[in-house]
Amino acid sequence: MRSLLSSVASLAVLFAVAKPALAAVPVWGQCGGNGWSGETTCASGSTCVVVNEWYHQCQPGAGPTTTSSAPNPTSSGCPNATKFRFFGVNQAGAEFGENVIPGELGTHYTWPSPSSIDYFVNQGFNTFRVAFKIERLSPPGTGLTGPFDQAYLNGLKTIVNYITGKNAYAVLDPHNYMRYNGNVITSTSNFQTWWNKLATEFRSNTRVIFDVMNEPYQIDASVVFNLNQAAINGIRASGATSQLILVEGTAWTGAWSWESSGNGAVFGAIRDPNNNTAIEMHQYLDSDSSGTSATCVSSTVGIERLRVATVWLRRNNLKGFLGEMGAGSNDVCIAAVKGALCAMQQSGVWIGYLWWAAGPWWGTYFQSIEPPNGASIARILPEALKPFV
């Protein structure tokens, strides 16, 4: 590059007197925030608004175009925030060993530890999403609409009752990706029957939350929508009329792809006779949103990937619940998680947030928040999560 610079040195004077300004930031682009080194001047007709400490955004407005020179909020502050109604962690284990059905308790799968629940309740957390495997509850030999396996059902009830006995919320999470016994679930009638039966088992417990299905994928959004609607109908018909229901979309219910996946076009029509259903989305912060890398794209990726979903929720007058988020324990990821949580609490549309994940069998998994020494305990818990409890 040095040879190019020397060959055009004689032109330097011309550009010195008429150096063009950097392009203004377009509407909805980033114009500031902690660590931001890009342009801070918004395009004409928009103003740089401090969304939170980590993210300033050019938003349409009648006022004059400004830059982000205003002071940031304090490092621990999130102004104009409303605390989540539901805040906690996923509890994994009972869905493990998915290739061994029914599997053996203690060998192929396990239930969450009561001591883990106690730990997080003492931290101020109040919601626990308990993953389980449908094939263990509804053995393939008798089918989706057949009788439940009583031992597995009793295991689920035991941990659910322990959680709700702590005055916390237990989210029932069939962790099956809208599959059963290796096949995509397509029958709305069978799925409605299955959910009617399961909800009947828990209808008297007002602190149970029904999560219709974890992360459907490679299924048309309209098919997933119809199955979710059937589940709502079955749950309410069981007499479980007071509990919150969470519905999830296709494409792993990703927030960043909520519109592009087709979910946005259909889920606005979801109907609950008791008006107590929220849209559950998941969001990871690595390059492909898979949650398999401890490297986050940037310190602002959390805010950026939730933006479209937040606008959609507001436009459709619906509430959102971020059922999974995870990231590495490093400065960039911690800033990204904090930025996302602050933006969610400022939005007025997100009612819940859960970290992925606790569970007794994670070992050295980089997103484990299982006490006492899961990888996310040392930094993610005190720096990124506790400020938003």
Protein backbone atom coordinates (compact mmCIF):
# COMPACT_ATOMS: atom_id res chain seq x y z
CA MET A 1 0.00 0.00 0.00
CA ARG A 2 2.94 2.34 0.56
CA SER A 3 3.65 2.51 -3.18
CA LEU A 4 0.11 3.64 -3.82
CA LEU A 5 0.41 6.35 -1.20
CA SER A 6 3.62 7.74 -2.71
CA SER A 7 2.22 7.77 -6.23
CA VAL A 8 -0.70 9.95 -5.25
CA ALA A 9 1.12 12.22 -2.81
CA SER A 10 0.83 15.14 -5.21
CA LEU A 11 -2.96 14.99 -4.88
CA ALA A 12 -2.94 15.39 -1.11
CA VAL A 13 -3.33 19.15 -1.16
CA LEU A 14 -6.48 18.95 -3.25
CA PHE A 15 -8.17 16.54 -0.84
CA ALA A 16 -6.93 18.41 2.21
CA VAL A 17 -9.00 21.43 1.30
CA ALA A 18 -12.10 19.53 0.33
CA LYS A 19 -12.12 16.32 2.36
CA PRO A 20 -15.55 14.71 2.22
CA ALA A 21 -17.35 14.04 5.48
CA LEU A 22 -18.02 10.48 6.60
CA ALA A 23 -21.42 9.18 5.54
CA ALA A 24 -24.13 9.92 8.08
CA VAL A 25 -25.61 6.98 9.95
CA PRO A 26 -28.91 5.87 8.35
CA VAL A 27 -32.17 5.66 10.29
CA TRP A 28 -32.15 2.77 12.83
CA GLY A 29 -28.34 2.49 12.61
CA GLN A 30 -25.98 2.65 15.58
CA CYS A 31 -24.60 6.08 16.38
CA GLY A 32 -22.87 5.59 19.74
CA GLY A 33 -22.52 3.72 22.99
CA ASN A 34 -19.70 2.37 25.12
CA GLY A 35 -16.94 1.04 22.86
CA TRP A 36 -18.46 2.52 19.70
CA SER A 37 -15.86 3.97 17.31
CA GLY A 38 -18.00 4.56 14.23
CA GLU A 39 -19.82 7.60 12.90
CA THR A 40 -22.05 9.44 15.39
CA THR A 41 -23.93 11.84 13.12
CA CYS A 42 -27.38 10.69 12.03
CA ALA A 43 -28.90 11.21 8.61
CA SER A 44 -31.15 14.21 8.15
CA GLY A 45 -34.50 13.82 9.86
CA SER A 46 -33.28 11.44 12.55
CA THR A 47 -31.79 11.87 15.99
CA CYS A 48 -29.21 9.84 17.92
CA VAL A 49 -31.14 8.43 20.89
CA VAL A 50 -29.48 6.81 23.91
CA VAL A 51 -31.22 3.43 24.06
CA ASN A 52 -28.91 2.28 26.83
CA GLU A 53 -25.29 2.52 27.89
CA TRP A 54 -24.07 0.22 25.15
CA TYR A 55 -26.27 1.25 22.24
CA HIS A 56 -27.32 4.59 20.79
CA GLN A 57 -29.56 4.52 17.72
CA CYS A 58 -30.58 6.93 14.95
CA GLN A 59 -34.35 7.17 15.23
CA PRO A 60 -36.79 9.18 13.12
CA GLY A 61 -37.72 12.47 14.70
CA ALA A 62 -38.64 16.02 13.98
CA GLY A 63 -35.83 17.43 16.09
CA PRO A 64 -32.46 18.45 14.71
CA THR A 65 -29.89 15.80 13.86
CA THR A 66 -27.58 15.22 16.82
CA THR A 67 -24.62 13.11 17.80
CA SER A 68 -24.06 10.82 20.75
CA SER A 69 -22.00 13.26 22.77
CA ALA A 70 -24.40 13.20 25.69
CA PRO A 71 -23.12 11.41 28.82
CA ASN A 72 -23.80 7.69 29.06
CA PRO A 73 -25.85 6.25 31.92
CA THR A 74 -23.84 4.93 34.85
CA SER A 75 -22.11 1.61 34.24
CA SER A 76 -24.61 -0.29 36.37
CA GLY A 77 -27.71 1.61 35.33
CA CYS A 78 -30.52 0.86 32.89
CA PRO A 79 -32.79 3.92 32.89
CA ASN A 80 -36.54 3.63 32.37
CA ALA A 81 -36.43 -0.14 32.79
CA THR A 82 -39.26 -2.39 33.99
CA LYS A 83 -38.16 -5.57 35.73
CA PHE A 84 -39.10 -8.89 34.15
CA ARG A 85 -42.01 -10.73 35.69
CA PHE A 86 -40.20 -14.01 35.03
CA PHE A 87 -36.41 -14.26 35.39
CA GLY A 88 -34.37 -17.40 35.78
CA VAL A 89 -32.56 -20.29 34.16
CA ASN A 90 -33.19 -23.38 32.12
CA GLN A 91 -32.76 -26.66 34.00
CA ALA A 92 -31.53 -29.38 31.65
CA GLY A 93 -31.05 -33.09 32.27
CA ALA A 94 -34.28 -35.03 31.82
CA GLU A 95 -33.99 -34.67 28.02
CA PHE A 96 -30.41 -36.02 27.95
CA GLY A 97 -29.66 -39.38 26.34
CA GLU A 98 -32.25 -38.77 23.67
CA ASN A 99 -31.02 -41.71 21.59
CA VAL A 100 -31.76 -44.14 24.42
CA ILE A 101 -35.51 -44.43 25.00
CA PRO A 102 -36.76 -44.86 27.62
CA GLY A 103 -33.28 -44.85 29.14
CA GLU A 104 -32.34 -45.31 32.76
CA LEU A 105 -32.61 -42.56 35.38
CA GLY A 106 -29.16 -41.69 36.65
CA THR A 107 -27.46 -43.26 33.63
CA HIS A 108 -29.01 -41.71 30.53
CA TYR A 109 -30.88 -38.79 32.06
CA THR A 110 -31.37 -36.98 35.33
CA TRP A 111 -33.71 -34.46 36.94
CA PRO A 112 -32.62 -31.01 38.12
CA SER A 113 -31.09 -30.76 41.55
CA PRO A 114 -33.19 -29.18 44.32
CA SER A 115 -30.04 -27.52 45.62
CA SER A 116 -29.67 -25.72 42.27
CA ILE A 117 -33.22 -24.40 42.59
CA ASP A 118 -32.45 -23.22 46.12
CA TYR A 119 -29.30 -21.45 44.96
CA PHE A 120 -31.05 -19.41 42.31
CA VAL A 121 -34.10 -18.63 44.44
CA ASN A 122 -31.67 -17.17 46.96
CA GLN A 123 -30.20 -15.07 44.14
CA GLY A 124 -33.66 -13.62 43.46
CA PHE A 125 -34.48 -15.75 40.39
CA ASN A 126 -38.07 -16.95 40.16
CA THR A 127 -38.47 -19.07 37.00
CA PHE A 128 -37.09 -22.48 35.98
CA ARG A 129 -37.65 -24.13 32.61
CA VAL A 130 -37.59 -27.89 33.07
CA ALA A 131 -36.73 -29.79 29.89
CA PHE A 132 -38.07 -33.31 29.39
CA LYS A 133 -38.40 -35.86 26.60
CA ILE A 134 -41.85 -36.66 25.23
CA GLU A 135 -40.96 -40.28 24.38
CA ARG A 136 -40.16 -40.96 28.04
CA LEU A 137 -43.49 -39.51 29.14
CA SER A 138 -45.51 -40.96 26.25
CA PRO A 139 -43.83 -44.26 25.27
CA PRO A 140 -43.78 -44.86 21.49
CA GLY A 141 -45.34 -48.28 22.02
CA THR A 142 -48.67 -46.68 22.91
CA GLY A 143 -48.26 -43.49 20.91
CA LEU A 144 -48.61 -39.80 21.57
CA THR A 145 -52.17 -40.09 22.81
CA GLY A 146 -51.54 -43.18 24.95
CA PRO A 147 -51.09 -43.34 28.72
CA PHE A 148 -48.21 -41.55 30.41
CA ASP A 149 -45.31 -43.43 31.95
CA GLN A 150 -46.05 -42.93 35.63
CA ALA A 151 -42.47 -43.09 36.88
CA TYR A 152 -41.31 -40.38 34.50
CA LEU A 153 -44.43 -38.30 35.17
CA ASN A 154 -43.81 -38.57 38.91
CA GLY A 155 -40.22 -37.41 38.40
CA LEU A 156 -41.48 -34.38 36.49
CA LYS A 157 -44.10 -33.64 39.13
CA THR A 158 -41.57 -33.94 41.94
CA ILE A 159 -39.24 -31.25 40.59
CA VAL A 160 -42.13 -29.04 39.45
CA ASN A 161 -43.71 -29.19 42.90
CA TYR A 162 -40.36 -28.44 44.50
CA ILE A 163 -39.95 -25.34 42.34
CA THR A 164 -43.45 -24.03 42.85
CA GLY A 165 -43.22 -24.85 46.56
CA LYS A 166 -40.45 -22.24 46.62
CA ASN A 167 -42.97 -19.72 45.31
CA ALA A 168 -41.24 -19.81 41.92
CA TYR A 169 -42.54 -20.70 38.45
CA ALA A 170 -41.89 -24.02 36.68
CA VAL A 171 -41.96 -24.03 32.88
CA LEU A 172 -42.85 -27.41 31.38
CA ASP A 173 -40.58 -27.77 28.33
CA PRO A 174 -41.12 -30.73 25.98
CA HIS A 175 -37.66 -30.57 24.42
CA ASN A 176 -38.53 -32.34 21.17
CA TYR A 177 -38.26 -29.80 18.33
CA MET A 178 -41.80 -30.71 17.21
CA ARG A 179 -40.75 -34.33 16.68
CA TYR A 180 -42.00 -37.54 18.23
CA ASN A 181 -40.38 -40.95 17.83
CA GLY A 182 -38.23 -39.62 14.99
CA ASN A 183 -41.05 -38.05 12.98
CA VAL A 184 -42.37 -34.50 12.66
CA ILE A 185 -45.61 -34.03 14.57
CA THR A 186 -48.29 -33.14 12.05
CA SER A 187 -51.60 -34.08 13.66
CA THR A 188 -53.13 -31.09 15.42
CA SER A 189 -55.73 -33.42 16.92
CA ASN A 190 -53.18 -35.73 18.52
CA PHE A 191 -51.07 -32.83 19.73
CA GLN A 192 -54.10 -31.12 21.25
CA THR A 193 -55.04 -34.37 23.01
CA TRP A 194 -51.50 -34.80 24.37
CA TRP A 195 -51.42 -31.28 25.76
CA ASN A 196 -54.93 -31.63 27.19
CA LYS A 197 -53.78 -34.70 29.12
CA LEU A 198 -50.56 -33.09 30.37
CA ALA A 199 -52.26 -29.86 31.40
CA THR A 200 -54.84 -31.89 33.31
CA GLU A 201 -52.02 -33.21 35.50
CA PHE A 202 -50.96 -29.66 36.44
CA ARG A 203 -54.13 -27.59 36.13
CA SER A 204 -54.42 -26.96 39.87
CA ASN A 205 -50.89 -25.51 40.12
CA THR A 206 -51.11 -21.85 39.22
CA ARG A 207 -47.32 -21.44 39.17
CA VAL A 208 -46.85 -23.85 36.28
CA ILE A 209 -46.17 -22.40 32.82
CA PHE A 210 -46.87 -24.46 29.69
CA ASP A 211 -44.21 -24.17 26.96
CA VAL A 212 -45.84 -25.77 23.92
CA MET A 213 -42.70 -27.12 22.21
CA ASN A 214 -38.99 -26.38 22.23
CA GLU A 215 -37.50 -25.05 18.99
CA PRO A 216 -39.41 -26.49 16.02
CA TYR A 217 -37.24 -26.40 12.90
CA GLN A 218 -37.45 -27.19 9.17
CA ILE A 219 -41.24 -27.04 9.38
CA ASP A 220 -43.35 -24.39 7.69
CA ALA A 221 -44.29 -21.59 10.05
CA SER A 222 -48.00 -22.03 9.35
CA VAL A 223 -47.83 -25.71 10.36
CA VAL A 224 -46.06 -24.81 13.59
CA PHE A 225 -48.60 -22.07 14.25
CA ASN A 226 -51.53 -24.48 13.84
CA LEU A 227 -49.95 -26.97 16.23
CA ASN A 228 -49.39 -24.22 18.81
CA GLN A 229 -52.98 -23.06 18.48
CA ALA A 230 -54.20 -26.64 18.94
CA ALA A 231 -52.09 -26.93 22.09
CA ILE A 232 -53.58 -23.74 23.52
CA ASN A 233 -57.06 -25.09 22.84
CA GLY A 234 -56.23 -28.38 24.54
CA ILE A 235 -54.65 -26.74 27.58
CA ARG A 236 -57.56 -24.42 28.20
CA ALA A 237 -60.09 -27.21 27.66
CA SER A 238 -58.39 -29.17 30.47
CA GLY A 239 -59.43 -26.55 33.00
CA ALA A 240 -55.96 -24.99 33.19
CA THR A 241 -57.26 -21.49 32.67
CA SER A 242 -54.99 -19.31 34.80
CA GLN A 243 -51.50 -20.45 33.75
CA LEU A 244 -49.28 -18.69 31.24
CA ILE A 245 -48.75 -20.47 27.90
CA LEU A 246 -45.64 -19.96 25.77
CA VAL A 247 -45.72 -20.60 22.03
CA GLU A 248 -42.60 -21.05 19.89
CA GLY A 249 -42.08 -20.62 16.16
CA THR A 250 -40.15 -22.48 13.50
CA ALA A 251 -36.44 -21.95 12.71
CA TRP A 252 -35.55 -22.73 16.33
CA THR A 253 -37.86 -19.85 17.33
CA GLY A 254 -35.00 -17.41 16.73
CA ALA A 255 -35.62 -13.78 17.55
CA TRP A 256 -33.18 -12.58 14.91
CA SER A 257 -35.04 -14.50 12.17
CA TRP A 258 -38.58 -14.06 13.47
CA GLU A 259 -39.75 -12.20 10.38
CA SER A 260 -37.59 -13.88 7.74
CA SER A 261 -38.56 -17.39 8.92
CA GLY A 262 -42.25 -16.71 8.28
CA ASN A 263 -43.17 -16.69 11.97
CA GLY A 264 -43.99 -13.01 11.88
CA ALA A 265 -46.55 -13.50 9.15
CA VAL A 266 -48.64 -16.02 11.10
CA PHE A 267 -48.11 -15.79 14.86
CA GLY A 268 -49.85 -12.43 15.17
CA ALA A 269 -53.09 -14.41 14.84
CA ILE A 270 -52.50 -16.59 17.93
CA ARG A 271 -55.61 -16.71 20.12
CA ASP A 272 -56.06 -17.65 23.76
CA PRO A 273 -59.55 -17.43 25.30
CA ASN A 274 -57.88 -16.48 28.59
CA ASN A 275 -55.55 -13.94 27.01
CA ASN A 276 -52.50 -15.28 28.81
CA THR A 277 -50.12 -16.43 26.07
CA ALA A 278 -46.69 -15.01 25.25
CA ILE A 279 -44.38 -15.56 22.29
CA GLU A 280 -41.25 -17.44 23.32
CA MET A 281 -38.12 -16.74 21.31
CA HIS A 282 -34.50 -17.81 21.72
CA GLN A 283 -31.36 -15.87 20.90
CA TYR A 284 -27.66 -16.70 21.01
CA LEU A 285 -24.89 -14.26 20.30
CA ASP A 286 -22.27 -16.16 18.32
CA SER A 287 -21.81 -15.89 14.55
CA ASP A 288 -24.64 -18.25 13.54
CA SER A 289 -26.88 -17.85 16.60
CA SER A 290 -26.39 -21.53 17.47
CA GLY A 291 -24.93 -21.01 20.94
CA THR A 292 -22.03 -23.33 20.17
CA SER A 293 -19.24 -20.75 20.40
CA ALA A 294 -18.10 -18.64 23.34
CA THR A 295 -17.19 -15.84 20.94
CA CYS A 296 -19.84 -13.14 20.52
CA VAL A 297 -20.10 -11.17 17.29
CA SER A 298 -19.86 -7.81 19.05
CA SER A 299 -20.73 -6.04 22.28
CA THR A 300 -24.00 -4.84 20.70
CA VAL A 301 -25.13 -8.03 18.98
CA GLY A 302 -27.71 -8.79 21.67
CA ILE A 303 -29.58 -5.56 21.06
CA GLU A 304 -29.25 -5.86 17.32
CA ARG A 305 -30.63 -9.39 17.10
CA LEU A 306 -33.65 -8.59 19.26
CA ARG A 307 -34.62 -5.38 17.50
CA VAL A 308 -36.88 -6.80 14.76
CA ALA A 309 -38.64 -9.12 17.21
CA THR A 310 -39.25 -6.27 19.64
CA VAL A 311 -40.81 -4.14 16.92
CA TRP A 312 -42.97 -7.08 15.83
CA LEU A 313 -44.22 -7.73 19.36
CA ARG A 314 -45.13 -4.10 19.81
CA ARG A 315 -46.87 -3.91 16.44
CA ASN A 316 -48.94 -7.01 17.18
CA ASN A 317 -49.70 -6.03 20.80
CA LEU A 318 -48.14 -9.25 22.07
CA LYS A 319 -45.74 -10.06 24.89
CA GLY A 320 -42.38 -11.75 24.43
CA PHE A 321 -40.49 -14.24 26.58
CA LEU A 322 -36.83 -14.94 25.81
CA GLY A 323 -36.64 -18.58 26.82
CA GLU A 324 -32.98 -19.12 25.98
CA MET A 325 -29.90 -16.96 25.76
CA GLY A 326 -26.31 -17.99 26.30
CA ALA A 327 -22.82 -16.65 25.64
CA GLY A 328 -19.20 -16.89 26.70
CA SER A 329 -17.78 -15.47 29.91
CA ASN A 330 -15.74 -12.66 28.38
CA ASP A 331 -15.95 -8.86 28.22
CA VAL A 332 -17.57 -8.68 24.78
CA CYS A 333 -20.25 -11.24 25.56
CA ILE A 334 -21.02 -9.78 28.96
CA ALA A 335 -21.54 -6.36 27.39
CA ALA A 336 -23.76 -7.94 24.71
CA VAL A 337 -25.91 -9.74 27.28
CA LYS A 338 -26.23 -6.64 29.44
CA GLY A 339 -27.17 -4.54 26.44
CA ALA A 340 -29.83 -7.02 25.40
CA LEU A 341 -31.33 -7.27 28.88
CA CYS A 342 -31.43 -3.51 29.31
CA ALA A 343 -33.10 -3.01 25.93
CA MET A 344 -35.66 -5.70 26.75
CA GLN A 345 -36.52 -4.14 30.10
CA GLN A 346 -36.89 -0.75 28.44
CA SER A 347 -39.11 -2.07 25.63
CA GLY A 348 -42.34 -2.72 27.52
CA VAL A 349 -43.00 -5.96 25.59
CA TRP A 350 -40.68 -8.60 27.10
CA ILE A 351 -42.00 -10.25 30.26
CA GLY A 352 -39.42 -12.99 30.82
CA TYR A 353 -35.82 -14.07 30.36
CA LEU A 354 -34.01 -17.37 31.02
CA TRP A 355 -30.32 -18.20 30.75
CA TRP A 356 -29.25 -21.42 29.03
CA ALA A 357 -28.50 -23.36 31.17
CA ALA A 358 -28.23 -25.00 34.56
CA GLY A 359 -28.32 -28.75 35.09
CA PRO A 360 -26.26 -31.27 37.06
CA TRP A 361 -24.55 -32.98 34.11
CA TRP A 362 -23.04 -30.08 32.16
CA GLY A 363 -19.48 -30.49 33.40
CA THR A 364 -17.22 -27.87 31.77
CA TYR A 365 -19.80 -26.65 29.22
CA PHE A 366 -19.05 -22.96 28.65
CA GLN A 367 -22.65 -21.80 29.21
CA SER A 368 -23.28 -23.89 32.31
CA ILE A 369 -24.58 -21.86 35.22
CA GLU A 370 -24.99 -24.87 37.50
CA PRO A 371 -23.77 -24.06 41.02
CA PRO A 372 -21.33 -24.05 42.57
CA ASN A 373 -18.78 -23.81 39.77
CA GLY A 374 -20.45 -23.82 36.35
CA ALA A 375 -18.50 -21.75 33.81
CA SER A 376 -21.07 -18.92 33.89
CA ILE A 377 -21.15 -18.59 37.67
CA ALA A 378 -17.99 -16.51 38.10
CA ARG A 379 -18.77 -13.64 35.70
CA ILE A 380 -22.06 -14.02 33.80
CA LEU A 381 -24.13 -14.37 36.96
CA PRO A 382 -22.84 -11.34 38.92
CA GLU A 383 -21.95 -9.05 36.02
CA ALA A 384 -24.59 -9.75 33.35
CA LEU A 385 -27.62 -11.27 35.08
CA LYS A 386 -27.90 -10.12 38.68
CA PRO A 387 -28.21 -6.40 37.77
CA PHE A 388 -31.49 -7.20 36.02
CA VAL A 389 -33.17 -9.35 38.68
